[in-house]
Amino acid sequence: EDTVIIADPMIATGSTLIEVLREVKR
């Protein structure tokens, strides 16, 4: 039932957030 909000000021190449999203899915 949760809404997950990932806060990161700059979405540049997307590399960092892709790795974070993979972790969140775990």
mmCIF file of all heavy atoms, coordinates in Angstrom:
data_MODEL
# 
_entry.id   MODEL 
# 
loop_
_atom_site.group_PDB 
_atom_site.id 
_atom_site.type_symbol 
_atom_site.label_atom_id 
_atom_site.label_alt_id 
_atom_site.label_comp_id 
_atom_site.label_asym_id 
_atom_site.label_entity_id 
_atom_site.label_seq_id 
_atom_site.pdbx_PDB_ins_code 
_atom_site.Cartn_x 
_atom_site.Cartn_y 
_atom_site.Cartn_z 
_atom_site.occupancy 
_atom_site.B_iso_or_equiv 
_atom_site.pdbx_formal_charge 
_atom_site.auth_seq_id 
_atom_site.auth_comp_id 
_atom_site.auth_asym_id 
_atom_site.auth_atom_id 
_atom_site.pdbx_PDB_model_num 
ATOM 1   N N   . GLU A 1 1  ? 0.818  -1.224 0.000   1.00 0.00 ? 1  GLU A N   1 
ATOM 2   C CA  . GLU A 1 1  ? 0.000  0.000  0.000   1.00 0.00 ? 1  GLU A CA  1 
ATOM 3   C C   . GLU A 1 1  ? 0.848  1.270  0.000   1.00 0.00 ? 1  GLU A C   1 
ATOM 4   O O   . GLU A 1 1  ? 0.305  2.389  -0.001  1.00 0.00 ? 1  GLU A O   1 
ATOM 5   C CB  . GLU A 1 1  ? -0.942 0.012  1.210   1.00 0.00 ? 1  GLU A CB  1 
ATOM 6   C CG  . GLU A 1 1  ? -0.262 0.107  2.563   1.00 0.00 ? 1  GLU A CG  1 
ATOM 7   C CD  . GLU A 1 1  ? 0.015  -1.241 3.192   1.00 0.00 ? 1  GLU A CD  1 
ATOM 8   O OE1 . GLU A 1 1  ? 0.158  -2.234 2.438   1.00 0.00 ? 1  GLU A OE1 1 
ATOM 9   O OE2 . GLU A 1 1  ? 0.078  -1.320 4.435   1.00 0.00 ? 1  GLU A OE2 1 
ATOM 10  N N   . ASP A 1 2  ? 2.157  1.137  -0.012  1.00 0.00 ? 2  ASP A N   1 
ATOM 11  C CA  . ASP A 1 2  ? 3.041  2.296  0.090   1.00 0.00 ? 2  ASP A CA  1 
ATOM 12  C C   . ASP A 1 2  ? 3.227  3.022  -1.243  1.00 0.00 ? 2  ASP A C   1 
ATOM 13  O O   . ASP A 1 2  ? 3.200  2.412  -2.317  1.00 0.00 ? 2  ASP A O   1 
ATOM 14  C CB  . ASP A 1 2  ? 4.428  1.877  0.592   1.00 0.00 ? 2  ASP A CB  1 
ATOM 15  C CG  . ASP A 1 2  ? 4.437  1.538  2.063   1.00 0.00 ? 2  ASP A CG  1 
ATOM 16  O OD1 . ASP A 1 2  ? 3.586  2.065  2.799   1.00 0.00 ? 2  ASP A OD1 1 
ATOM 17  O OD2 . ASP A 1 2  ? 5.305  0.747  2.484   1.00 0.00 ? 2  ASP A OD2 1 
ATOM 18  N N   . THR A 1 3  ? 3.453  4.325  -1.126  1.00 0.00 ? 3  THR A N   1 
ATOM 19  C CA  . THR A 1 3  ? 3.974  5.139  -2.220  1.00 0.00 ? 3  THR A CA  1 
ATOM 20  C C   . THR A 1 3  ? 5.426  5.450  -1.878  1.00 0.00 ? 3  THR A C   1 
ATOM 21  O O   . THR A 1 3  ? 5.700  6.051  -0.841  1.00 0.00 ? 3  THR A O   1 
ATOM 22  C CB  . THR A 1 3  ? 3.190  6.449  -2.387  1.00 0.00 ? 3  THR A CB  1 
ATOM 23  O OG1 . THR A 1 3  ? 1.843  6.149  -2.792  1.00 0.00 ? 3  THR A OG1 1 
ATOM 24  C CG2 . THR A 1 3  ? 3.838  7.351  -3.430  1.00 0.00 ? 3  THR A CG2 1 
ATOM 25  N N   . VAL A 1 4  ? 6.338  5.021  -2.722  1.00 0.00 ? 4  VAL A N   1 
ATOM 26  C CA  . VAL A 1 4  ? 7.765  5.276  -2.508  1.00 0.00 ? 4  VAL A CA  1 
ATOM 27  C C   . VAL A 1 4  ? 8.156  6.513  -3.313  1.00 0.00 ? 4  VAL A C   1 
ATOM 28  O O   . VAL A 1 4  ? 7.929  6.577  -4.517  1.00 0.00 ? 4  VAL A O   1 
ATOM 29  C CB  . VAL A 1 4  ? 8.623  4.075  -2.931  1.00 0.00 ? 4  VAL A CB  1 
ATOM 30  C CG1 . VAL A 1 4  ? 10.112 4.421  -2.827  1.00 0.00 ? 4  VAL A CG1 1 
ATOM 31  C CG2 . VAL A 1 4  ? 8.294  2.859  -2.065  1.00 0.00 ? 4  VAL A CG2 1 
ATOM 32  N N   . ILE A 1 5  ? 8.747  7.499  -2.626  1.00 0.00 ? 5  ILE A N   1 
ATOM 33  C CA  . ILE A 1 5  ? 9.232  8.707  -3.285  1.00 0.00 ? 5  ILE A CA  1 
ATOM 34  C C   . ILE A 1 5  ? 10.747 8.723  -3.172  1.00 0.00 ? 5  ILE A C   1 
ATOM 35  O O   . ILE A 1 5  ? 11.299 8.783  -2.070  1.00 0.00 ? 5  ILE A O   1 
ATOM 36  C CB  . ILE A 1 5  ? 8.644  9.976  -2.643  1.00 0.00 ? 5  ILE A CB  1 
ATOM 37  C CG1 . ILE A 1 5  ? 7.108  9.948  -2.695  1.00 0.00 ? 5  ILE A CG1 1 
ATOM 38  C CG2 . ILE A 1 5  ? 9.175  11.226 -3.342  1.00 0.00 ? 5  ILE A CG2 1 
ATOM 39  C CD1 . ILE A 1 5  ? 6.448  11.098 -1.952  1.00 0.00 ? 5  ILE A CD1 1 
ATOM 40  N N   . ILE A 1 6  ? 11.424 8.649  -4.308  1.00 0.00 ? 6  ILE A N   1 
ATOM 41  C CA  . ILE A 1 6  ? 12.887 8.693  -4.344  1.00 0.00 ? 6  ILE A CA  1 
ATOM 42  C C   . ILE A 1 6  ? 13.297 10.120 -4.674  1.00 0.00 ? 6  ILE A C   1 
ATOM 43  O O   . ILE A 1 6  ? 13.006 10.623 -5.755  1.00 0.00 ? 6  ILE A O   1 
ATOM 44  C CB  . ILE A 1 6  ? 13.454 7.715  -5.381  1.00 0.00 ? 6  ILE A CB  1 
ATOM 45  C CG1 . ILE A 1 6  ? 12.982 6.292  -5.065  1.00 0.00 ? 6  ILE A CG1 1 
ATOM 46  C CG2 . ILE A 1 6  ? 14.981 7.790  -5.400  1.00 0.00 ? 6  ILE A CG2 1 
ATOM 47  C CD1 . ILE A 1 6  ? 13.346 5.280  -6.133  1.00 0.00 ? 6  ILE A CD1 1 
ATOM 48  N N   . ALA A 1 7  ? 13.961 10.774 -3.730  1.00 0.00 ? 7  ALA A N   1 
ATOM 49  C CA  . ALA A 1 7  ? 14.344 12.174 -3.895  1.00 0.00 ? 7  ALA A CA  1 
ATOM 50  C C   . ALA A 1 7  ? 15.795 12.276 -4.343  1.00 0.00 ? 7  ALA A C   1 
ATOM 51  O O   . ALA A 1 7  ? 16.707 11.819 -3.652  1.00 0.00 ? 7  ALA A O   1 
ATOM 52  C CB  . ALA A 1 7  ? 14.142 12.939 -2.575  1.00 0.00 ? 7  ALA A CB  1 
ATOM 53  N N   . ASP A 1 8  ? 15.998 12.875 -5.514  1.00 0.00 ? 8  ASP A N   1 
ATOM 54  C CA  . ASP A 1 8  ? 17.336 13.110 -6.054  1.00 0.00 ? 8  ASP A CA  1 
ATOM 55  C C   . ASP A 1 8  ? 17.246 14.353 -6.929  1.00 0.00 ? 8  ASP A C   1 
ATOM 56  O O   . ASP A 1 8  ? 16.495 14.351 -7.909  1.00 0.00 ? 8  ASP A O   1 
ATOM 57  C CB  . ASP A 1 8  ? 17.815 11.908 -6.869  1.00 0.00 ? 8  ASP A CB  1 
ATOM 58  C CG  . ASP A 1 8  ? 19.302 11.982 -7.203  1.00 0.00 ? 8  ASP A CG  1 
ATOM 59  O OD1 . ASP A 1 8  ? 19.971 12.909 -6.719  1.00 0.00 ? 8  ASP A OD1 1 
ATOM 60  O OD2 . ASP A 1 8  ? 19.781 11.111 -7.947  1.00 0.00 ? 8  ASP A OD2 1 
ATOM 61  N N   . PRO A 1 9  ? 17.957 15.429 -6.586  1.00 0.00 ? 9  PRO A N   1 
ATOM 62  C CA  . PRO A 1 9  ? 17.758 16.702 -7.294  1.00 0.00 ? 9  PRO A CA  1 
ATOM 63  C C   . PRO A 1 9  ? 17.958 16.644 -8.794  1.00 0.00 ? 9  PRO A C   1 
ATOM 64  O O   . PRO A 1 9  ? 17.215 17.257 -9.548  1.00 0.00 ? 9  PRO A O   1 
ATOM 65  C CB  . PRO A 1 9  ? 18.782 17.638 -6.640  1.00 0.00 ? 9  PRO A CB  1 
ATOM 66  C CG  . PRO A 1 9  ? 19.010 17.071 -5.293  1.00 0.00 ? 9  PRO A CG  1 
ATOM 67  C CD  . PRO A 1 9  ? 18.896 15.586 -5.464  1.00 0.00 ? 9  PRO A CD  1 
ATOM 68  N N   . MET A 1 10 ? 18.985 15.888 -9.265  1.00 0.00 ? 10 MET A N   1 
ATOM 69  C CA  . MET A 1 10 ? 19.342 15.932 -10.675 1.00 0.00 ? 10 MET A CA  1 
ATOM 70  C C   . MET A 1 10 ? 19.160 14.565 -11.333 1.00 0.00 ? 10 MET A C   1 
ATOM 71  O O   . MET A 1 10 ? 19.790 13.586 -10.934 1.00 0.00 ? 10 MET A O   1 
ATOM 72  C CB  . MET A 1 10 ? 20.790 16.388 -10.839 1.00 0.00 ? 10 MET A CB  1 
ATOM 73  C CG  . MET A 1 10 ? 21.145 17.654 -10.056 1.00 0.00 ? 10 MET A CG  1 
ATOM 74  S SD  . MET A 1 10 ? 20.178 19.086 -10.565 1.00 0.00 ? 10 MET A SD  1 
ATOM 75  C CE  . MET A 1 10 ? 21.039 19.537 -12.058 1.00 0.00 ? 10 MET A CE  1 
ATOM 76  N N   . ILE A 1 11 ? 18.299 14.501 -12.327 1.00 0.00 ? 11 ILE A N   1 
ATOM 77  C CA  . ILE A 1 11 ? 18.118 13.285 -13.120 1.00 0.00 ? 11 ILE A CA  1 
ATOM 78  C C   . ILE A 1 11 ? 18.870 13.528 -14.422 1.00 0.00 ? 11 ILE A C   1 
ATOM 79  O O   . ILE A 1 11 ? 18.328 14.072 -15.378 1.00 0.00 ? 11 ILE A O   1 
ATOM 80  C CB  . ILE A 1 11 ? 16.630 12.994 -13.374 1.00 0.00 ? 11 ILE A CB  1 
ATOM 81  C CG1 . ILE A 1 11 ? 15.862 12.955 -12.045 1.00 0.00 ? 11 ILE A CG1 1 
ATOM 82  C CG2 . ILE A 1 11 ? 16.467 11.682 -14.124 1.00 0.00 ? 11 ILE A CG2 1 
ATOM 83  C CD1 . ILE A 1 11 ? 14.367 12.871 -12.201 1.00 0.00 ? 11 ILE A CD1 1 
ATOM 84  N N   . ALA A 1 12 ? 20.135 13.161 -14.429 1.00 0.00 ? 12 ALA A N   1 
ATOM 85  C CA  . ALA A 1 12 ? 21.017 13.488 -15.562 1.00 0.00 ? 12 ALA A CA  1 
ATOM 86  C C   . ALA A 1 12 ? 21.117 12.295 -16.506 1.00 0.00 ? 12 ALA A C   1 
ATOM 87  O O   . ALA A 1 12 ? 20.275 12.114 -17.369 1.00 0.00 ? 12 ALA A O   1 
ATOM 88  C CB  . ALA A 1 12 ? 22.382 13.931 -15.042 1.00 0.00 ? 12 ALA A CB  1 
ATOM 89  N N   . THR A 1 13 ? 22.127 11.444 -16.318 1.00 0.00 ? 13 THR A N   1 
ATOM 90  C CA  . THR A 1 13 ? 22.247 10.256 -17.166 1.00 0.00 ? 13 THR A CA  1 
ATOM 91  C C   . THR A 1 13 ? 21.234 9.181  -16.793 1.00 0.00 ? 13 THR A C   1 
ATOM 92  O O   . THR A 1 13 ? 20.945 8.284  -17.575 1.00 0.00 ? 13 THR A O   1 
ATOM 93  C CB  . THR A 1 13 ? 23.652 9.648  -17.064 1.00 0.00 ? 13 THR A CB  1 
ATOM 94  O OG1 . THR A 1 13 ? 23.853 9.165  -15.725 1.00 0.00 ? 13 THR A OG1 1 
ATOM 95  C CG2 . THR A 1 13 ? 24.719 10.684 -17.406 1.00 0.00 ? 13 THR A CG2 1 
ATOM 96  N N   . GLY A 1 14 ? 20.717 9.261  -15.557 1.00 0.00 ? 14 GLY A N   1 
ATOM 97  C CA  . GLY A 1 14 ? 19.805 8.234  -15.059 1.00 0.00 ? 14 GLY A CA  1 
ATOM 98  C C   . GLY A 1 14 ? 20.520 7.062  -14.409 1.00 0.00 ? 14 GLY A C   1 
ATOM 99  O O   . GLY A 1 14 ? 19.871 6.200  -13.809 1.00 0.00 ? 14 GLY A O   1 
ATOM 100 N N   . SER A 1 15 ? 21.856 7.020  -14.480 1.00 0.00 ? 15 SER A N   1 
ATOM 101 C CA  . SER A 1 15 ? 22.617 5.877  -13.969 1.00 0.00 ? 15 SER A CA  1 
ATOM 102 C C   . SER A 1 15 ? 22.387 5.644  -12.480 1.00 0.00 ? 15 SER A C   1 
ATOM 103 O O   . SER A 1 15 ? 22.149 4.514  -12.046 1.00 0.00 ? 15 SER A O   1 
ATOM 104 C CB  . SER A 1 15 ? 24.109 6.090  -14.236 1.00 0.00 ? 15 SER A CB  1 
ATOM 105 O OG  . SER A 1 15 ? 24.366 6.240  -15.607 1.00 0.00 ? 15 SER A OG  1 
ATOM 106 N N   . THR A 1 16 ? 22.472 6.722  -11.687 1.00 0.00 ? 16 THR A N   1 
ATOM 107 C CA  . THR A 1 16 ? 22.312 6.587  -10.242 1.00 0.00 ? 16 THR A CA  1 
ATOM 108 C C   . THR A 1 16 ? 20.920 6.092  -9.890  1.00 0.00 ? 16 THR A C   1 
ATOM 109 O O   . THR A 1 16 ? 20.747 5.147  -9.102  1.00 0.00 ? 16 THR A O   1 
ATOM 110 C CB  . THR A 1 16 ? 22.581 7.928  -9.551  1.00 0.00 ? 16 THR A CB  1 
ATOM 111 O OG1 . THR A 1 16 ? 23.920 8.341  -9.812  1.00 0.00 ? 16 THR A OG1 1 
ATOM 112 C CG2 . THR A 1 16 ? 22.368 7.822  -8.046  1.00 0.00 ? 16 THR A CG2 1 
ATOM 113 N N   . LEU A 1 17 ? 19.909 6.695  -10.480 1.00 0.00 ? 17 LEU A N   1 
ATOM 114 C CA  . LEU A 1 17 ? 18.539 6.339  -10.117 1.00 0.00 ? 17 LEU A CA  1 
ATOM 115 C C   . LEU A 1 17 ? 18.170 4.933  -10.569 1.00 0.00 ? 17 LEU A C   1 
ATOM 116 O O   . LEU A 1 17 ? 17.390 4.249  -9.890  1.00 0.00 ? 17 LEU A O   1 
ATOM 117 C CB  . LEU A 1 17 ? 17.563 7.364  -10.701 1.00 0.00 ? 17 LEU A CB  1 
ATOM 118 C CG  . LEU A 1 17 ? 17.516 8.667  -9.908  1.00 0.00 ? 17 LEU A CG  1 
ATOM 119 C CD1 . LEU A 1 17 ? 16.867 9.778  -10.695 1.00 0.00 ? 17 LEU A CD1 1 
ATOM 120 C CD2 . LEU A 1 17 ? 16.770 8.451  -8.586  1.00 0.00 ? 17 LEU A CD2 1 
ATOM 121 N N   . ILE A 1 18 ? 18.716 4.472  -11.658 1.00 0.00 ? 18 ILE A N   1 
ATOM 122 C CA  . ILE A 1 18 ? 18.462 3.095  -12.074 1.00 0.00 ? 18 ILE A CA  1 
ATOM 123 C C   . ILE A 1 18 ? 18.992 2.115  -11.028 1.00 0.00 ? 18 ILE A C   1 
ATOM 124 O O   . ILE A 1 18 ? 18.312 1.145  -10.660 1.00 0.00 ? 18 ILE A O   1 
ATOM 125 C CB  . ILE A 1 18 ? 19.087 2.828  -13.459 1.00 0.00 ? 18 ILE A CB  1 
ATOM 126 C CG1 . ILE A 1 18 ? 18.230 3.499  -14.542 1.00 0.00 ? 18 ILE A CG1 1 
ATOM 127 C CG2 . ILE A 1 18 ? 19.193 1.325  -13.738 1.00 0.00 ? 18 ILE A CG2 1 
ATOM 128 C CD1 . ILE A 1 18 ? 18.842 3.477  -15.923 1.00 0.00 ? 18 ILE A CD1 1 
ATOM 129 N N   . GLU A 1 19 ? 20.182 2.381  -10.495 1.00 0.00 ? 19 GLU A N   1 
ATOM 130 C CA  . GLU A 1 19 ? 20.730 1.511  -9.449  1.00 0.00 ? 19 GLU A CA  1 
ATOM 131 C C   . GLU A 1 19 ? 19.896 1.596  -8.174  1.00 0.00 ? 19 GLU A C   1 
ATOM 132 O O   . GLU A 1 19 ? 19.658 0.584  -7.504  1.00 0.00 ? 19 GLU A O   1 
ATOM 133 C CB  . GLU A 1 19 ? 22.184 1.879  -9.164  1.00 0.00 ? 19 GLU A CB  1 
ATOM 134 C CG  . GLU A 1 19 ? 23.138 1.590  -10.303 1.00 0.00 ? 19 GLU A CG  1 
ATOM 135 C CD  . GLU A 1 19 ? 23.155 0.119  -10.686 1.00 0.00 ? 19 GLU A CD  1 
ATOM 136 O OE1 . GLU A 1 19 ? 23.078 -0.734 -9.777  1.00 0.00 ? 19 GLU A OE1 1 
ATOM 137 O OE2 . GLU A 1 19 ? 23.223 -0.179 -11.891 1.00 0.00 ? 19 GLU A OE2 1 
ATOM 138 N N   . VAL A 1 20 ? 19.460 2.807  -7.822  1.00 0.00 ? 20 VAL A N   1 
ATOM 139 C CA  . VAL A 1 20 ? 18.621 2.971  -6.628  1.00 0.00 ? 20 VAL A CA  1 
ATOM 140 C C   . VAL A 1 20 ? 17.292 2.245  -6.809  1.00 0.00 ? 20 VAL A C   1 
ATOM 141 O O   . VAL A 1 20 ? 16.805 1.565  -5.894  1.00 0.00 ? 20 VAL A O   1 
ATOM 142 C CB  . VAL A 1 20 ? 18.401 4.465  -6.328  1.00 0.00 ? 20 VAL A CB  1 
ATOM 143 C CG1 . VAL A 1 20 ? 17.392 4.635  -5.188  1.00 0.00 ? 20 VAL A CG1 1 
ATOM 144 C CG2 . VAL A 1 20 ? 19.716 5.141  -5.969  1.00 0.00 ? 20 VAL A CG2 1 
ATOM 145 N N   . LEU A 1 21 ? 16.694 2.358  -7.976  1.00 0.00 ? 21 LEU A N   1 
ATOM 146 C CA  . LEU A 1 21 ? 15.420 1.681  -8.238  1.00 0.00 ? 21 LEU A CA  1 
ATOM 147 C C   . LEU A 1 21 ? 15.584 0.163  -8.146  1.00 0.00 ? 21 LEU A C   1 
ATOM 148 O O   . LEU A 1 21 ? 14.694 -0.522 -7.626  1.00 0.00 ? 21 LEU A O   1 
ATOM 149 C CB  . LEU A 1 21 ? 14.892 2.080  -9.615  1.00 0.00 ? 21 LEU A CB  1 
ATOM 150 C CG  . LEU A 1 21 ? 14.281 3.484  -9.691  1.00 0.00 ? 21 LEU A CG  1 
ATOM 151 C CD1 . LEU A 1 21 ? 14.184 3.962  -11.135 1.00 0.00 ? 21 LEU A CD1 1 
ATOM 152 C CD2 . LEU A 1 21 ? 12.901 3.496  -9.036  1.00 0.00 ? 21 LEU A CD2 1 
ATOM 153 N N   . ARG A 1 22 ? 16.681 -0.357 -8.622  1.00 0.00 ? 22 ARG A N   1 
ATOM 154 C CA  . ARG A 1 22 ? 16.922 -1.798 -8.493  1.00 0.00 ? 22 ARG A CA  1 
ATOM 155 C C   . ARG A 1 22 ? 16.986 -2.220 -7.031  1.00 0.00 ? 22 ARG A C   1 
ATOM 156 O O   . ARG A 1 22 ? 16.468 -3.281 -6.650  1.00 0.00 ? 22 ARG A O   1 
ATOM 157 C CB  . ARG A 1 22 ? 18.218 -2.179 -9.213  1.00 0.00 ? 22 ARG A CB  1 
ATOM 158 C CG  . ARG A 1 22 ? 18.118 -2.113 -10.734 1.00 0.00 ? 22 ARG A CG  1 
ATOM 159 C CD  . ARG A 1 22 ? 19.478 -2.282 -11.389 1.00 0.00 ? 22 ARG A CD  1 
ATOM 160 N NE  . ARG A 1 22 ? 19.397 -2.225 -12.845 1.00 0.00 ? 22 ARG A NE  1 
ATOM 161 C CZ  . ARG A 1 22 ? 20.436 -2.057 -13.648 1.00 0.00 ? 22 ARG A CZ  1 
ATOM 162 N NH1 . ARG A 1 22 ? 21.663 -1.947 -13.127 1.00 0.00 ? 22 ARG A NH1 1 
ATOM 163 N NH2 . ARG A 1 22 ? 20.278 -2.007 -14.960 1.00 0.00 ? 22 ARG A NH2 1 
ATOM 164 N N   . GLU A 1 23 ? 17.616 -1.391 -6.202  1.00 0.00 ? 23 GLU A N   1 
ATOM 165 C CA  . GLU A 1 23 ? 17.678 -1.695 -4.762  1.00 0.00 ? 23 GLU A CA  1 
ATOM 166 C C   . GLU A 1 23 ? 16.298 -1.630 -4.128  1.00 0.00 ? 23 GLU A C   1 
ATOM 167 O O   . GLU A 1 23 ? 15.920 -2.494 -3.338  1.00 0.00 ? 23 GLU A O   1 
ATOM 168 C CB  . GLU A 1 23 ? 18.627 -0.723 -4.068  1.00 0.00 ? 23 GLU A CB  1 
ATOM 169 C CG  . GLU A 1 23 ? 20.091 -0.991 -4.294  1.00 0.00 ? 23 GLU A CG  1 
ATOM 170 C CD  . GLU A 1 23 ? 20.541 -2.303 -3.654  1.00 0.00 ? 23 GLU A CD  1 
ATOM 171 O OE1 . GLU A 1 23 ? 19.944 -2.709 -2.632  1.00 0.00 ? 23 GLU A OE1 1 
ATOM 172 O OE2 . GLU A 1 23 ? 21.474 -2.913 -4.183  1.00 0.00 ? 23 GLU A OE2 1 
ATOM 173 N N   . VAL A 1 24 ? 15.533 -0.601 -4.467  1.00 0.00 ? 24 VAL A N   1 
ATOM 174 C CA  . VAL A 1 24 ? 14.201 -0.428 -3.884  1.00 0.00 ? 24 VAL A CA  1 
ATOM 175 C C   . VAL A 1 24 ? 13.333 -1.655 -4.169  1.00 0.00 ? 24 VAL A C   1 
ATOM 176 O O   . VAL A 1 24 ? 12.583 -2.126 -3.294  1.00 0.00 ? 24 VAL A O   1 
ATOM 177 C CB  . VAL A 1 24 ? 13.535 0.852  -4.430  1.00 0.00 ? 24 VAL A CB  1 
ATOM 178 C CG1 . VAL A 1 24 ? 12.043 0.881  -4.096  1.00 0.00 ? 24 VAL A CG1 1 
ATOM 179 C CG2 . VAL A 1 24 ? 14.222 2.085  -3.858  1.00 0.00 ? 24 VAL A CG2 1 
ATOM 180 N N   . LYS A 1 25 ? 13.448 -2.203 -5.356  1.00 0.00 ? 25 LYS A N   1 
ATOM 181 C CA  . LYS A 1 25 ? 12.634 -3.359 -5.745  1.00 0.00 ? 25 LYS A CA  1 
ATOM 182 C C   . LYS A 1 25 ? 12.927 -4.571 -4.857  1.00 0.00 ? 25 LYS A C   1 
ATOM 183 O O   . LYS A 1 25 ? 12.086 -5.477 -4.739  1.00 0.00 ? 25 LYS A O   1 
ATOM 184 C CB  . LYS A 1 25 ? 12.918 -3.715 -7.203  1.00 0.00 ? 25 LYS A CB  1 
ATOM 185 C CG  . LYS A 1 25 ? 12.446 -2.681 -8.211  1.00 0.00 ? 25 LYS A CG  1 
ATOM 186 C CD  . LYS A 1 25 ? 10.966 -2.809 -8.465  1.00 0.00 ? 25 LYS A CD  1 
ATOM 187 C CE  . LYS A 1 25 ? 10.527 -1.967 -9.639  1.00 0.00 ? 25 LYS A CE  1 
ATOM 188 N NZ  . LYS A 1 25 ? 9.101  -2.163 -9.974  1.00 0.00 ? 25 LYS A NZ  1 
ATOM 189 N N   . ARG A 1 26 ? 14.085 -4.607 -4.231  1.00 0.00 ? 26 ARG A N   1 
ATOM 190 C CA  . ARG A 1 26 ? 14.447 -5.741 -3.370  1.00 0.00 ? 26 ARG A CA  1 
ATOM 191 C C   . ARG A 1 26 ? 13.695 -5.714 -2.043  1.00 0.00 ? 26 ARG A C   1 
ATOM 192 O O   . ARG A 1 26 ? 13.668 -6.711 -1.322  1.00 0.00 ? 26 ARG A O   1 
ATOM 193 C CB  . ARG A 1 26 ? 15.946 -5.740 -3.101  1.00 0.00 ? 26 ARG A CB  1 
ATOM 194 C CG  . ARG A 1 26 ? 16.802 -5.866 -4.350  1.00 0.00 ? 26 ARG A CG  1 
ATOM 195 C CD  . ARG A 1 26 ? 18.274 -5.766 -4.027  1.00 0.00 ? 26 ARG A CD  1 
ATOM 196 N NE  . ARG A 1 26 ? 18.717 -6.842 -3.157  1.00 0.00 ? 26 ARG A NE  1 
ATOM 197 C CZ  . ARG A 1 26 ? 19.937 -6.971 -2.680  1.00 0.00 ? 26 ARG A CZ  1 
ATOM 198 N NH1 . ARG A 1 26 ? 20.854 -6.069 -2.981  1.00 0.00 ? 26 ARG A NH1 1 
ATOM 199 N NH2 . ARG A 1 26 ? 20.264 -7.976 -1.897  1.00 0.00 ? 26 ARG A NH2 1 
# 
